[in-house]
Amino acid sequence: GPDNLIAFMNGPLTGTQVTMSGRIAICTKSPIEGQVTDS
């Protein structure tokens, strides 16, 4: 539904010289069974 929020988030080490720091987290309420999820 429109009230759900989906967040595209990076962290304090994302995109820096830290090795393997190219990740992004996408967080929302899952339509699978209504649990919180991050992918």
PDB file of all heavy atoms in Angstrom:
ATOM      1  N   GLY A   1       0.823  -1.195   0.000  1.00  0.00           N
ATOM      2  CA  GLY A   1       0.000   0.000   0.000  1.00  0.00           C
ATOM      3  C   GLY A   1       0.860   1.250   0.000  1.00  0.00           C
ATOM      4  O   GLY A   1       2.070   1.207   0.255  1.00  0.00           O
ATOM      5  N   PRO A   2       0.266   2.401  -0.246  1.00  0.00           N
ATOM      6  CA  PRO A   2       1.036   3.645  -0.326  1.00  0.00           C
ATOM      7  C   PRO A   2       1.683   4.065   0.980  1.00  0.00           C
ATOM      8  O   PRO A   2       2.644   4.847   0.966  1.00  0.00           O
ATOM      9  CB  PRO A   2      -0.004   4.675  -0.790  1.00  0.00           C
ATOM     10  CG  PRO A   2      -1.335   4.085  -0.418  1.00  0.00           C
ATOM     11  CD  PRO A   2      -1.173   2.608  -0.543  1.00  0.00           C
ATOM     12  N   ASP A   3       1.189   3.569   2.112  1.00  0.00           N
ATOM     13  CA  ASP A   3       1.743   3.985   3.399  1.00  0.00           C
ATOM     14  C   ASP A   3       3.068   3.303   3.727  1.00  0.00           C
ATOM     15  O   ASP A   3       3.782   3.741   4.632  1.00  0.00           O
ATOM     16  CB  ASP A   3       0.745   3.715   4.529  1.00  0.00           C
ATOM     17  CG  ASP A   3      -0.482   4.613   4.441  1.00  0.00           C
ATOM     18  OD1 ASP A   3      -0.379   5.685   3.816  1.00  0.00           O
ATOM     19  OD2 ASP A   3      -1.538   4.233   4.977  1.00  0.00           O
ATOM     20  N   ASN A   4       3.380   2.224   3.037  1.00  0.00           N
ATOM     21  CA  ASN A   4       4.665   1.577   3.290  1.00  0.00           C
ATOM     22  C   ASN A   4       5.794   2.475   2.801  1.00  0.00           C
ATOM     23  O   ASN A   4       5.644   3.242   1.844  1.00  0.00           O
ATOM     24  CB  ASN A   4       4.735   0.218   2.593  1.00  0.00           C
ATOM     25  CG  ASN A   4       5.892  -0.642   3.099  1.00  0.00           C
ATOM     26  OD1 ASN A   4       6.483  -0.375   4.141  1.00  0.00           O
ATOM     27  ND2 ASN A   4       6.214  -1.691   2.361  1.00  0.00           N
ATOM     28  N   LEU A   5       6.922   2.365   3.460  1.00  0.00           N
ATOM     29  CA  LEU A   5       8.109   3.143   3.109  1.00  0.00           C
ATOM     30  C   LEU A   5       9.193   2.198   2.615  1.00  0.00           C
ATOM     31  O   LEU A   5       9.384   1.119   3.172  1.00  0.00           O
ATOM     32  CB  LEU A   5       8.599   3.929   4.330  1.00  0.00           C
ATOM     33  CG  LEU A   5       9.868   4.769   4.169  1.00  0.00           C
ATOM     34  CD1 LEU A   5       9.734   6.090   4.924  1.00  0.00           C
ATOM     35  CD2 LEU A   5      11.104   4.026   4.667  1.00  0.00           C
ATOM     36  N   ILE A   6       9.903   2.597   1.577  1.00  0.00           N
ATOM     37  CA  ILE A   6      11.055   1.833   1.111  1.00  0.00           C
ATOM     38  C   ILE A   6      12.258   2.763   1.119  1.00  0.00           C
ATOM     39  O   ILE A   6      12.217   3.860   0.559  1.00  0.00           O
ATOM     40  CB  ILE A   6      10.811   1.185  -0.270  1.00  0.00           C
ATOM     41  CG1 ILE A   6      12.004   0.307  -0.661  1.00  0.00           C
ATOM     42  CG2 ILE A   6      10.461   2.204  -1.336  1.00  0.00           C
ATOM     43  CD1 ILE A   6      11.725  -0.615  -1.846  1.00  0.00           C
ATOM     44  N   ALA A   7      13.313   2.328   1.811  1.00  0.00           N
ATOM     45  CA  ALA A   7      14.493   3.163   2.052  1.00  0.00           C
ATOM     46  C   ALA A   7      15.697   2.589   1.319  1.00  0.00           C
ATOM     47  O   ALA A   7      16.025   1.412   1.482  1.00  0.00           O
ATOM     48  CB  ALA A   7      14.773   3.241   3.551  1.00  0.00           C
ATOM     49  N   PHE A   8      16.347   3.420   0.514  1.00  0.00           N
ATOM     50  CA  PHE A   8      17.606   3.072  -0.145  1.00  0.00           C
ATOM     51  C   PHE A   8      18.716   3.729   0.658  1.00  0.00           C
ATOM     52  O   PHE A   8      18.850   4.960   0.652  1.00  0.00           O
ATOM     53  CB  PHE A   8      17.626   3.591  -1.581  1.00  0.00           C
ATOM     54  CG  PHE A   8      16.698   2.884  -2.522  1.00  0.00           C
ATOM     55  CD1 PHE A   8      15.315   2.990  -2.386  1.00  0.00           C
ATOM     56  CD2 PHE A   8      17.195   2.114  -3.568  1.00  0.00           C
ATOM     57  CE1 PHE A   8      14.449   2.343  -3.263  1.00  0.00           C
ATOM     58  CE2 PHE A   8      16.337   1.463  -4.444  1.00  0.00           C
ATOM     59  CZ  PHE A   8      14.965   1.572  -4.290  1.00  0.00           C
ATOM     60  N   MET A   9      19.529   2.923   1.353  1.00  0.00           N
ATOM     61  CA  MET A   9      20.452   3.463   2.337  1.00  0.00           C
ATOM     62  C   MET A   9      21.890   3.014   2.093  1.00  0.00           C
ATOM     63  O   MET A   9      22.145   1.845   1.795  1.00  0.00           O
ATOM     64  CB  MET A   9      20.052   3.006   3.752  1.00  0.00           C
ATOM     65  CG  MET A   9      18.631   3.349   4.166  1.00  0.00           C
ATOM     66  SD  MET A   9      18.322   5.128   4.308  1.00  0.00           S
ATOM     67  CE  MET A   9      19.523   5.579   5.564  1.00  0.00           C
ATOM     68  N   ASN A  10      22.817   3.941   2.233  1.00  0.00           N
ATOM     69  CA  ASN A  10      24.214   3.538   2.339  1.00  0.00           C
ATOM     70  C   ASN A  10      24.696   3.796   3.764  1.00  0.00           C
ATOM     71  O   ASN A  10      23.951   4.327   4.593  1.00  0.00           O
ATOM     72  CB  ASN A  10      25.098   4.223   1.293  1.00  0.00           C
ATOM     73  CG  ASN A  10      24.974   5.728   1.302  1.00  0.00           C
ATOM     74  OD1 ASN A  10      24.910   6.335   2.362  1.00  0.00           O
ATOM     75  ND2 ASN A  10      24.948   6.336   0.125  1.00  0.00           N
ATOM     76  N   GLY A  11      25.925   3.396   4.069  1.00  0.00           N
ATOM     77  CA  GLY A  11      26.446   3.536   5.418  1.00  0.00           C
ATOM     78  C   GLY A  11      27.674   4.413   5.450  1.00  0.00           C
ATOM     79  O   GLY A  11      28.152   4.893   4.410  1.00  0.00           O
ATOM     80  N   PRO A  12      28.238   4.628   6.625  1.00  0.00           N
ATOM     81  CA  PRO A  12      29.376   5.544   6.753  1.00  0.00           C
ATOM     82  C   PRO A  12      30.639   5.067   6.048  1.00  0.00           C
ATOM     83  O   PRO A  12      31.534   5.872   5.798  1.00  0.00           O
ATOM     84  CB  PRO A  12      29.587   5.638   8.266  1.00  0.00           C
ATOM     85  CG  PRO A  12      28.970   4.393   8.830  1.00  0.00           C
ATOM     86  CD  PRO A  12      27.808   4.105   7.935  1.00  0.00           C
ATOM     87  N   LEU A  13      30.731   3.769   5.725  1.00  0.00           N
ATOM     88  CA  LEU A  13      31.911   3.275   5.021  1.00  0.00           C
ATOM     89  C   LEU A  13      31.660   3.069   3.526  1.00  0.00           C
ATOM     90  O   LEU A  13      32.602   2.794   2.778  1.00  0.00           O
ATOM     91  CB  LEU A  13      32.402   1.959   5.638  1.00  0.00           C
ATOM     92  CG  LEU A  13      32.747   1.976   7.130  1.00  0.00           C
ATOM     93  CD1 LEU A  13      33.428   0.671   7.536  1.00  0.00           C
ATOM     94  CD2 LEU A  13      33.612   3.168   7.499  1.00  0.00           C
ATOM     95  N   THR A  14      30.407   3.199   3.085  1.00  0.00           N
ATOM     96  CA  THR A  14      30.076   2.980   1.682  1.00  0.00           C
ATOM     97  C   THR A  14      30.795   3.984   0.784  1.00  0.00           C
ATOM     98  O   THR A  14      30.840   5.177   1.077  1.00  0.00           O
ATOM     99  CB  THR A  14      28.558   3.117   1.454  1.00  0.00           C
ATOM    100  OG1 THR A  14      27.866   2.248   2.344  1.00  0.00           O
ATOM    101  CG2 THR A  14      28.191   2.772   0.020  1.00  0.00           C
ATOM    102  N   GLY A  15      31.338   3.476  -0.315  1.00  0.00           N
ATOM    103  CA  GLY A  15      31.936   4.363  -1.306  1.00  0.00           C
ATOM    104  C   GLY A  15      33.244   4.988  -0.895  1.00  0.00           C
ATOM    105  O   GLY A  15      33.679   5.979  -1.487  1.00  0.00           O
ATOM    106  N   THR A  16      33.896   4.393   0.110  1.00  0.00           N
ATOM    107  CA  THR A  16      35.170   4.920   0.595  1.00  0.00           C
ATOM    108  C   THR A  16      36.301   3.986   0.155  1.00  0.00           C
ATOM    109  O   THR A  16      36.111   3.075  -0.646  1.00  0.00           O
ATOM    110  CB  THR A  16      35.163   5.017   2.126  1.00  0.00           C
ATOM    111  OG1 THR A  16      35.138   3.683   2.694  1.00  0.00           O
ATOM    112  CG2 THR A  16      33.938   5.787   2.620  1.00  0.00           C
ATOM    113  N   GLN A  17      37.489   4.213   0.719  1.00  0.00           N
ATOM    114  CA  GLN A  17      38.626   3.343   0.435  1.00  0.00           C
ATOM    115  C   GLN A  17      38.518   1.981   1.111  1.00  0.00           C
ATOM    116  O   GLN A  17      39.302   1.069   0.799  1.00  0.00           O
ATOM    117  CB  GLN A  17      39.916   4.024   0.892  1.00  0.00           C
ATOM    118  CG  GLN A  17      40.306   5.231   0.067  1.00  0.00           C
ATOM    119  CD  GLN A  17      41.516   5.921   0.668  1.00  0.00           C
ATOM    120  OE1 GLN A  17      41.449   6.492   1.753  1.00  0.00           O
ATOM    121  NE2 GLN A  17      42.638   5.845  -0.022  1.00  0.00           N
ATOM    122  N   VAL A  18      37.590   1.821   2.026  1.00  0.00           N
ATOM    123  CA  VAL A  18      37.405   0.539   2.706  1.00  0.00           C
ATOM    124  C   VAL A  18      37.162  -0.549   1.666  1.00  0.00           C
ATOM    125  O   VAL A  18      36.376  -0.375   0.725  1.00  0.00           O
ATOM    126  CB  VAL A  18      36.228   0.610   3.698  1.00  0.00           C
ATOM    127  CG1 VAL A  18      35.909  -0.769   4.261  1.00  0.00           C
ATOM    128  CG2 VAL A  18      36.543   1.580   4.823  1.00  0.00           C
ATOM    129  N   THR A  19      37.843  -1.684   1.815  1.00  0.00           N
ATOM    130  CA  THR A  19      37.670  -2.760   0.849  1.00  0.00           C
ATOM    131  C   THR A  19      36.232  -3.282   0.859  1.00  0.00           C
ATOM    132  O   THR A  19      35.597  -3.376   1.899  1.00  0.00           O
ATOM    133  CB  THR A  19      38.630  -3.926   1.142  1.00  0.00           C
ATOM    134  OG1 THR A  19      38.489  -4.321   2.500  1.00  0.00           O
ATOM    135  CG2 THR A  19      40.067  -3.527   0.879  1.00  0.00           C
ATOM    136  N   MET A  20      35.747  -3.599  -0.326  1.00  0.00           N
ATOM    137  CA  MET A  20      34.407  -4.175  -0.518  1.00  0.00           C
ATOM    138  C   MET A  20      33.312  -3.249   0.008  1.00  0.00           C
ATOM    139  O   MET A  20      32.329  -3.700   0.597  1.00  0.00           O
ATOM    140  CB  MET A  20      34.308  -5.549   0.139  1.00  0.00           C
ATOM    141  CG  MET A  20      35.427  -6.514  -0.200  1.00  0.00           C
ATOM    142  SD  MET A  20      35.113  -8.171   0.480  1.00  0.00           S
ATOM    143  CE  MET A  20      36.767  -8.826   0.582  1.00  0.00           C
ATOM    144  N   SER A  21      33.450  -1.944  -0.220  1.00  0.00           N
ATOM    145  CA  SER A  21      32.491  -0.982   0.344  1.00  0.00           C
ATOM    146  C   SER A  21      31.533  -0.441  -0.706  1.00  0.00           C
ATOM    147  O   SER A  21      31.121   0.719  -0.649  1.00  0.00           O
ATOM    148  CB  SER A  21      33.235   0.170   1.022  1.00  0.00           C
ATOM    149  OG  SER A  21      34.052   0.880   0.102  1.00  0.00           O
ATOM    150  N   GLY A  22      31.136  -1.287  -1.657  1.00  0.00           N
ATOM    151  CA  GLY A  22      30.227  -0.845  -2.707  1.00  0.00           C
ATOM    152  C   GLY A  22      28.793  -1.289  -2.513  1.00  0.00           C
ATOM    153  O   GLY A  22      28.040  -1.393  -3.477  1.00  0.00           O
ATOM    154  N   ARG A  23      28.382  -1.530  -1.282  1.00  0.00           N
ATOM    155  CA  ARG A  23      27.056  -2.105  -1.025  1.00  0.00           C
ATOM    156  C   ARG A  23      26.000  -1.027  -0.771  1.00  0.00           C
ATOM    157  O   ARG A  23      26.302   0.101  -0.406  1.00  0.00           O
ATOM    158  CB  ARG A  23      27.105  -3.028   0.189  1.00  0.00           C
ATOM    159  CG  ARG A  23      28.163  -4.107   0.136  1.00  0.00           C
ATOM    160  CD  ARG A  23      27.827  -5.221  -0.825  1.00  0.00           C
ATOM    161  NE  ARG A  23      26.715  -6.039  -0.352  1.00  0.00           N
ATOM    162  CZ  ARG A  23      26.213  -7.066  -1.045  1.00  0.00           C
ATOM    163  NH1 ARG A  23      26.700  -7.375  -2.223  1.00  0.00           N
ATOM    164  NH2 ARG A  23      25.215  -7.783  -0.556  1.00  0.00           N
ATOM    165  N   ILE A  24      24.739  -1.411  -0.954  1.00  0.00           N
ATOM    166  CA  ILE A  24      23.602  -0.565  -0.616  1.00  0.00           C
ATOM    167  C   ILE A  24      22.530  -1.441   0.028  1.00  0.00           C
ATOM    168  O   ILE A  24      22.375  -2.615  -0.329  1.00  0.00           O
ATOM    169  CB  ILE A  24      23.048   0.164  -1.854  1.00  0.00           C
ATOM    170  CG1 ILE A  24      22.014   1.222  -1.450  1.00  0.00           C
ATOM    171  CG2 ILE A  24      22.475  -0.823  -2.881  1.00  0.00           C
ATOM    172  CD1 ILE A  24      21.667   2.183  -2.578  1.00  0.00           C
ATOM    173  N   ALA A  25      21.810  -0.888   0.999  1.00  0.00           N
ATOM    174  CA  ALA A  25      20.743  -1.609   1.699  1.00  0.00           C
ATOM    175  C   ALA A  25      19.398  -1.025   1.296  1.00  0.00           C
ATOM    176  O   ALA A  25      19.222   0.197   1.302  1.00  0.00           O
ATOM    177  CB  ALA A  25      20.921  -1.496   3.211  1.00  0.00           C
ATOM    178  N   ILE A  26      18.455  -1.890   0.958  1.00  0.00           N
ATOM    179  CA  ILE A  26      17.096  -1.463   0.638  1.00  0.00           C
ATOM    180  C   ILE A  26      16.176  -2.078   1.682  1.00  0.00           C
ATOM    181  O   ILE A  26      16.077  -3.301   1.800  1.00  0.00           O
ATOM    182  CB  ILE A  26      16.713  -1.874  -0.784  1.00  0.00           C
ATOM    183  CG1 ILE A  26      17.699  -1.231  -1.773  1.00  0.00           C
ATOM    184  CG2 ILE A  26      15.276  -1.468  -1.096  1.00  0.00           C
ATOM    185  CD1 ILE A  26      17.518  -1.653  -3.205  1.00  0.00           C
ATOM    186  N   CYS A  27      15.546  -1.224   2.477  1.00  0.00           N
ATOM    187  CA  CYS A  27      14.789  -1.650   3.662  1.00  0.00           C
ATOM    188  C   CYS A  27      13.318  -1.287   3.503  1.00  0.00           C
ATOM    189  O   CYS A  27      12.987  -0.182   3.062  1.00  0.00           O
ATOM    190  CB  CYS A  27      15.351  -0.983   4.922  1.00  0.00           C
ATOM    191  SG  CYS A  27      17.134  -1.177   5.150  1.00  0.00           S
ATOM    192  N   THR A  28      12.451  -2.211   3.920  1.00  0.00           N
ATOM    193  CA  THR A  28      11.019  -1.972   3.804  1.00  0.00           C
ATOM    194  C   THR A  28      10.269  -3.035   4.598  1.00  0.00           C
ATOM    195  O   THR A  28      10.876  -3.928   5.196  1.00  0.00           O
ATOM    196  CB  THR A  28      10.579  -1.997   2.326  1.00  0.00           C
ATOM    197  OG1 THR A  28       9.244  -1.506   2.197  1.00  0.00           O
ATOM    198  CG2 THR A  28      10.667  -3.401   1.738  1.00  0.00           C
ATOM    199  N   LYS A  29       8.955  -2.937   4.613  1.00  0.00           N
ATOM    200  CA  LYS A  29       8.121  -4.017   5.138  1.00  0.00           C
ATOM    201  C   LYS A  29       7.860  -4.987   4.002  1.00  0.00           C
ATOM    202  O   LYS A  29       7.376  -4.592   2.930  1.00  0.00           O
ATOM    203  CB  LYS A  29       6.803  -3.482   5.695  1.00  0.00           C
ATOM    204  CG  LYS A  29       5.934  -4.568   6.327  1.00  0.00           C
ATOM    205  CD  LYS A  29       4.675  -4.004   6.979  1.00  0.00           C
ATOM    206  CE  LYS A  29       3.919  -5.121   7.712  1.00  0.00           C
ATOM    207  NZ  LYS A  29       2.720  -4.608   8.415  1.00  0.00           N
ATOM    208  N   SER A  30       8.177  -6.253   4.210  1.00  0.00           N
ATOM    209  CA  SER A  30       8.125  -7.244   3.142  1.00  0.00           C
ATOM    210  C   SER A  30       6.698  -7.656   2.810  1.00  0.00           C
ATOM    211  O   SER A  30       5.881  -7.898   3.707  1.00  0.00           O
ATOM    212  CB  SER A  30       8.923  -8.490   3.545  1.00  0.00           C
ATOM    213  OG  SER A  30       8.729  -9.523   2.602  1.00  0.00           O
ATOM    214  N   PRO A  31       6.395  -7.785   1.510  1.00  0.00           N
ATOM    215  CA  PRO A  31       5.080  -8.302   1.117  1.00  0.00           C
ATOM    216  C   PRO A  31       4.971  -9.816   1.236  1.00  0.00           C
ATOM    217  O   PRO A  31       3.910 -10.376   0.957  1.00  0.00           O
ATOM    218  CB  PRO A  31       4.980  -7.871  -0.355  1.00  0.00           C
ATOM    219  CG  PRO A  31       6.391  -7.858  -0.841  1.00  0.00           C
ATOM    220  CD  PRO A  31       7.214  -7.393   0.342  1.00  0.00           C
ATOM    221  N   ILE A  32       6.048 -10.485   1.645  1.00  0.00           N
ATOM    222  CA  ILE A  32       6.000 -11.947   1.737  1.00  0.00           C
ATOM    223  C   ILE A  32       5.097 -12.377   2.881  1.00  0.00           C
ATOM    224  O   ILE A  32       4.115 -13.083   2.694  1.00  0.00           O
ATOM    225  CB  ILE A  32       7.416 -12.527   1.873  1.00  0.00           C
ATOM    226  CG1 ILE A  32       8.184 -12.304   0.559  1.00  0.00           C
ATOM    227  CG2 ILE A  32       7.367 -14.021   2.205  1.00  0.00           C
ATOM    228  CD1 ILE A  32       9.600 -12.813   0.577  1.00  0.00           C
ATOM    229  N   GLU A  33       5.412 -11.911   4.119  1.00  0.00           N
ATOM    230  CA  GLU A  33       4.515 -12.181   5.248  1.00  0.00           C
ATOM    231  C   GLU A  33       4.433 -10.999   6.210  1.00  0.00           C
ATOM    232  O   GLU A  33       3.967 -11.149   7.333  1.00  0.00           O
ATOM    233  CB  GLU A  33       4.937 -13.450   5.997  1.00  0.00           C
ATOM    234  CG  GLU A  33       4.513 -14.733   5.290  1.00  0.00           C
ATOM    235  CD  GLU A  33       4.519 -15.951   6.196  1.00  0.00           C
ATOM    236  OE1 GLU A  33       5.126 -15.891   7.291  1.00  0.00           O
ATOM    237  OE2 GLU A  33       3.923 -16.975   5.806  1.00  0.00           O
ATOM    238  N   GLY A  34       4.923  -9.836   5.781  1.00  0.00           N
ATOM    239  CA  GLY A  34       4.763  -8.640   6.601  1.00  0.00           C
ATOM    240  C   GLY A  34       5.867  -8.398   7.593  1.00  0.00           C
ATOM    241  O   GLY A  34       5.742  -7.531   8.464  1.00  0.00           O
ATOM    242  N   GLN A  35       6.989  -9.122   7.494  1.00  0.00           N
ATOM    243  CA  GLN A  35       8.129  -8.873   8.368  1.00  0.00           C
ATOM    244  C   GLN A  35       8.966  -7.714   7.830  1.00  0.00           C
ATOM    245  O   GLN A  35       8.844  -7.333   6.669  1.00  0.00           O
ATOM    246  CB  GLN A  35       8.999 -10.133   8.497  1.00  0.00           C
ATOM    247  CG  GLN A  35       9.675 -10.596   7.211  1.00  0.00           C
ATOM    248  CD  GLN A  35       8.856 -11.600   6.437  1.00  0.00           C
ATOM    249  OE1 GLN A  35       7.668 -11.386   6.203  1.00  0.00           O
ATOM    250  NE2 GLN A  35       9.477 -12.691   6.012  1.00  0.00           N
ATOM    251  N   VAL A  36       9.819  -7.164   8.661  1.00  0.00           N
ATOM    252  CA  VAL A  36      10.757  -6.156   8.177  1.00  0.00           C
ATOM    253  C   VAL A  36      11.847  -6.862   7.376  1.00  0.00           C
ATOM    254  O   VAL A  36      12.233  -7.995   7.687  1.00  0.00           O
ATOM    255  CB  VAL A  36      11.369  -5.357   9.343  1.00  0.00           C
ATOM    256  CG1 VAL A  36      12.287  -6.201  10.210  1.00  0.00           C
ATOM    257  CG2 VAL A  36      12.100  -4.114   8.837  1.00  0.00           C
ATOM    258  N   THR A  37      12.300  -6.218   6.318  1.00  0.00           N
ATOM    259  CA  THR A  37      13.333  -6.835   5.499  1.00  0.00           C
ATOM    260  C   THR A  37      14.342  -5.795   5.057  1.00  0.00           C
ATOM    261  O   THR A  37      14.035  -4.600   4.991  1.00  0.00           O
ATOM    262  CB  THR A  37      12.719  -7.547   4.273  1.00  0.00           C
ATOM    263  OG1 THR A  37      13.692  -8.401   3.678  1.00  0.00           O
ATOM    264  CG2 THR A  37      12.246  -6.545   3.222  1.00  0.00           C
ATOM    265  N   ASP A  38      15.537  -6.245   4.786  1.00  0.00           N
ATOM    266  CA  ASP A  38      16.557  -5.423   4.141  1.00  0.00           C
ATOM    267  C   ASP A  38      17.237  -6.301   3.116  1.00  0.00           C
ATOM    268  O   ASP A  38      17.517  -7.467   3.366  1.00  0.00           O
ATOM    269  CB  ASP A  38      17.572  -4.888   5.151  1.00  0.00           C
ATOM    270  CG  ASP A  38      18.324  -5.988   5.873  1.00  0.00           C
ATOM    271  OD1 ASP A  38      17.703  -6.687   6.712  1.00  0.00           O
ATOM    272  OD2 ASP A  38      19.521  -6.174   5.613  1.00  0.00           O
ATOM    273  N   SER A  39      17.475  -5.749   1.939  1.00  0.00           N
ATOM    274  CA  SER A  39      18.075  -6.524   0.861  1.00  0.00           C
ATOM    275  C   SER A  39      19.184  -5.685   0.236  1.00  0.00           C
ATOM    276  O   SER A  39      18.985  -4.508  -0.062  1.00  0.00           O
ATOM    277  CB  SER A  39      17.016  -6.880  -0.181  1.00  0.00           C
ATOM    278  OG  SER A  39      17.512  -7.833  -1.094  1.00  0.00           O
TER     279      SER A  39
END
